[in-house]
Amino acid sequence: MRSDRHAEVVSANQLLGLQLGAQSTPTVLLDTGDGRATWIDNWTTNLRPILEEALAAAGEGAAVESSEEGAGE
């Protein structure tokens, strides 16, 4: 990483993250599609109930599918 080739993009993304309130990485936000975002405080948490709640609130009938064995357990 001795090159400054991507420095401008990295700096812009860092500034945007700070403006959005990100204090660490990774920061997980769920776009609810209505102009609001749900902040996932603990990204190691089980995301399935959070996603299902967001889908239900949006009126979606789809269930959250997992492609990883044991994910969401």
C-alpha atoms as a PDB file:
ATOM      1  CA  MET A   1       0.000   0.000   0.000  1.00  0.00           C
ATOM      2  CA  ARG A   2       2.773   2.386  -0.856  1.00  0.00           C
ATOM      3  CA  SER A   3       0.770   4.017  -3.627  1.00  0.00           C
ATOM      4  CA  ASP A   4      -1.571   6.990  -3.228  1.00  0.00           C
ATOM      5  CA  ARG A   5      -3.548   5.822  -6.245  1.00  0.00           C
ATOM      6  CA  HIS A   6      -6.782   5.360  -4.271  1.00  0.00           C
ATOM      7  CA  ALA A   7      -6.170   7.911  -1.517  1.00  0.00           C
ATOM      8  CA  GLU A   8      -8.822  10.365  -2.731  1.00  0.00           C
ATOM      9  CA  VAL A   9     -11.567   7.703  -2.831  1.00  0.00           C
ATOM     10  CA  VAL A  10     -10.550   6.285   0.540  1.00  0.00           C
ATOM     11  CA  SER A  11     -10.555   9.739   2.109  1.00  0.00           C
ATOM     12  CA  ALA A  12     -13.991  10.543   0.646  1.00  0.00           C
ATOM     13  CA  ASN A  13     -15.414   7.256   1.930  1.00  0.00           C
ATOM     14  CA  GLN A  14     -13.872   7.841   5.356  1.00  0.00           C
ATOM     15  CA  LEU A  15     -15.435  11.306   5.534  1.00  0.00           C
ATOM     16  CA  LEU A  16     -18.830   9.945   4.477  1.00  0.00           C
ATOM     17  CA  GLY A  17     -18.621   7.242   7.144  1.00  0.00           C
ATOM     18  CA  LEU A  18     -17.859   9.829   9.804  1.00  0.00           C
ATOM     19  CA  GLN A  19     -20.750  12.015   8.605  1.00  0.00           C
ATOM     20  CA  LEU A  20     -23.087   9.008   8.897  1.00  0.00           C
ATOM     21  CA  GLY A  21     -21.862   8.301  12.423  1.00  0.00           C
ATOM     22  CA  ALA A  22     -19.686   5.270  11.767  1.00  0.00           C
ATOM     23  CA  GLN A  23     -17.233   4.886  14.608  1.00  0.00           C
ATOM     24  CA  SER A  24     -15.604   1.610  13.665  1.00  0.00           C
ATOM     25  CA  THR A  25     -15.431  -1.000  10.953  1.00  0.00           C
ATOM     26  CA  PRO A  26     -17.336  -2.881   9.976  1.00  0.00           C
ATOM     27  CA  THR A  27     -20.399  -0.685  10.334  1.00  0.00           C
ATOM     28  CA  VAL A  28     -23.634  -2.316   9.236  1.00  0.00           C
ATOM     29  CA  LEU A  29     -26.665  -0.289   8.173  1.00  0.00           C
ATOM     30  CA  LEU A  30     -29.857  -1.813   6.804  1.00  0.00           C
ATOM     31  CA  ASP A  31     -31.511   0.345   4.145  1.00  0.00           C
ATOM     32  CA  THR A  32     -35.239   0.057   4.826  1.00  0.00           C
ATOM     33  CA  GLY A  33     -36.123   1.583   1.465  1.00  0.00           C
ATOM     34  CA  ASP A  34     -38.109   4.459   2.921  1.00  0.00           C
ATOM     35  CA  GLY A  35     -35.305   6.925   3.464  1.00  0.00           C
ATOM     36  CA  ARG A  36     -34.398   5.512   6.863  1.00  0.00           C
ATOM     37  CA  ALA A  37     -31.646   3.138   7.847  1.00  0.00           C
ATOM     38  CA  THR A  38     -31.540   0.685  10.711  1.00  0.00           C
ATOM     39  CA  TRP A  39     -28.214   0.800  12.500  1.00  0.00           C
ATOM     40  CA  ILE A  40     -26.951  -2.663  13.448  1.00  0.00           C
ATOM     41  CA  ASP A  41     -25.050  -1.949  16.661  1.00  0.00           C
ATOM     42  CA  ASN A  42     -23.548  -5.403  17.002  1.00  0.00           C
ATOM     43  CA  TRP A  43     -22.773  -6.854  13.582  1.00  0.00           C
ATOM     44  CA  THR A  44     -22.059 -10.264  15.106  1.00  0.00           C
ATOM     45  CA  THR A  45     -25.672 -10.510  16.222  1.00  0.00           C
ATOM     46  CA  ASN A  46     -28.184 -12.765  14.526  1.00  0.00           C
ATOM     47  CA  LEU A  47     -29.352 -10.583  11.629  1.00  0.00           C
ATOM     48  CA  ARG A  48     -32.266 -12.832  10.622  1.00  0.00           C
ATOM     49  CA  PRO A  49     -34.871 -11.322  13.031  1.00  0.00           C
ATOM     50  CA  ILE A  50     -33.795  -7.791  12.101  1.00  0.00           C
ATOM     51  CA  LEU A  51     -34.103  -8.545   8.386  1.00  0.00           C
ATOM     52  CA  GLU A  52     -37.444 -10.321   8.803  1.00  0.00           C
ATOM     53  CA  GLU A  53     -38.819  -7.365  10.788  1.00  0.00           C
ATOM     54  CA  ALA A  54     -37.680  -4.961   8.068  1.00  0.00           C
ATOM     55  CA  LEU A  55     -39.283  -7.117   5.365  1.00  0.00           C
ATOM     56  CA  ALA A  56     -42.548  -7.321   7.309  1.00  0.00           C
ATOM     57  CA  ALA A  57     -42.589  -3.560   7.836  1.00  0.00           C
ATOM     58  CA  ALA A  58     -42.034  -3.056   4.113  1.00  0.00           C
ATOM     59  CA  GLY A  59     -44.931  -5.396   3.360  1.00  0.00           C
ATOM     60  CA  GLU A  60     -42.740  -7.976   1.712  1.00  0.00           C
ATOM     61  CA  GLY A  61     -43.877 -11.591   1.930  1.00  0.00           C
ATOM     62  CA  ALA A  62     -40.437 -13.027   1.257  1.00  0.00           C
ATOM     63  CA  ALA A  63     -38.517 -14.788   3.968  1.00  0.00           C
ATOM     64  CA  VAL A  64     -34.843 -14.329   4.666  1.00  0.00           C
ATOM     65  CA  GLU A  65     -32.916 -17.162   3.063  1.00  0.00           C
ATOM     66  CA  SER A  66     -29.544 -18.343   4.281  1.00  0.00           C
ATOM     67  CA  SER A  67     -26.914 -19.876   2.043  1.00  0.00           C
ATOM     68  CA  GLU A  68     -24.649 -20.825   4.921  1.00  0.00           C
ATOM     69  CA  GLU A  69     -25.267 -23.876   7.047  1.00  0.00           C
ATOM     70  CA  GLY A  70     -26.083 -22.828  10.579  1.00  0.00           C
ATOM     71  CA  ALA A  71     -26.325 -19.151   9.695  1.00  0.00           C
ATOM     72  CA  GLY A  72     -28.853 -17.354  11.815  1.00  0.00           C
ATOM     73  CA  GLU A  73     -28.993 -20.139  14.359  1.00  0.00           C
END
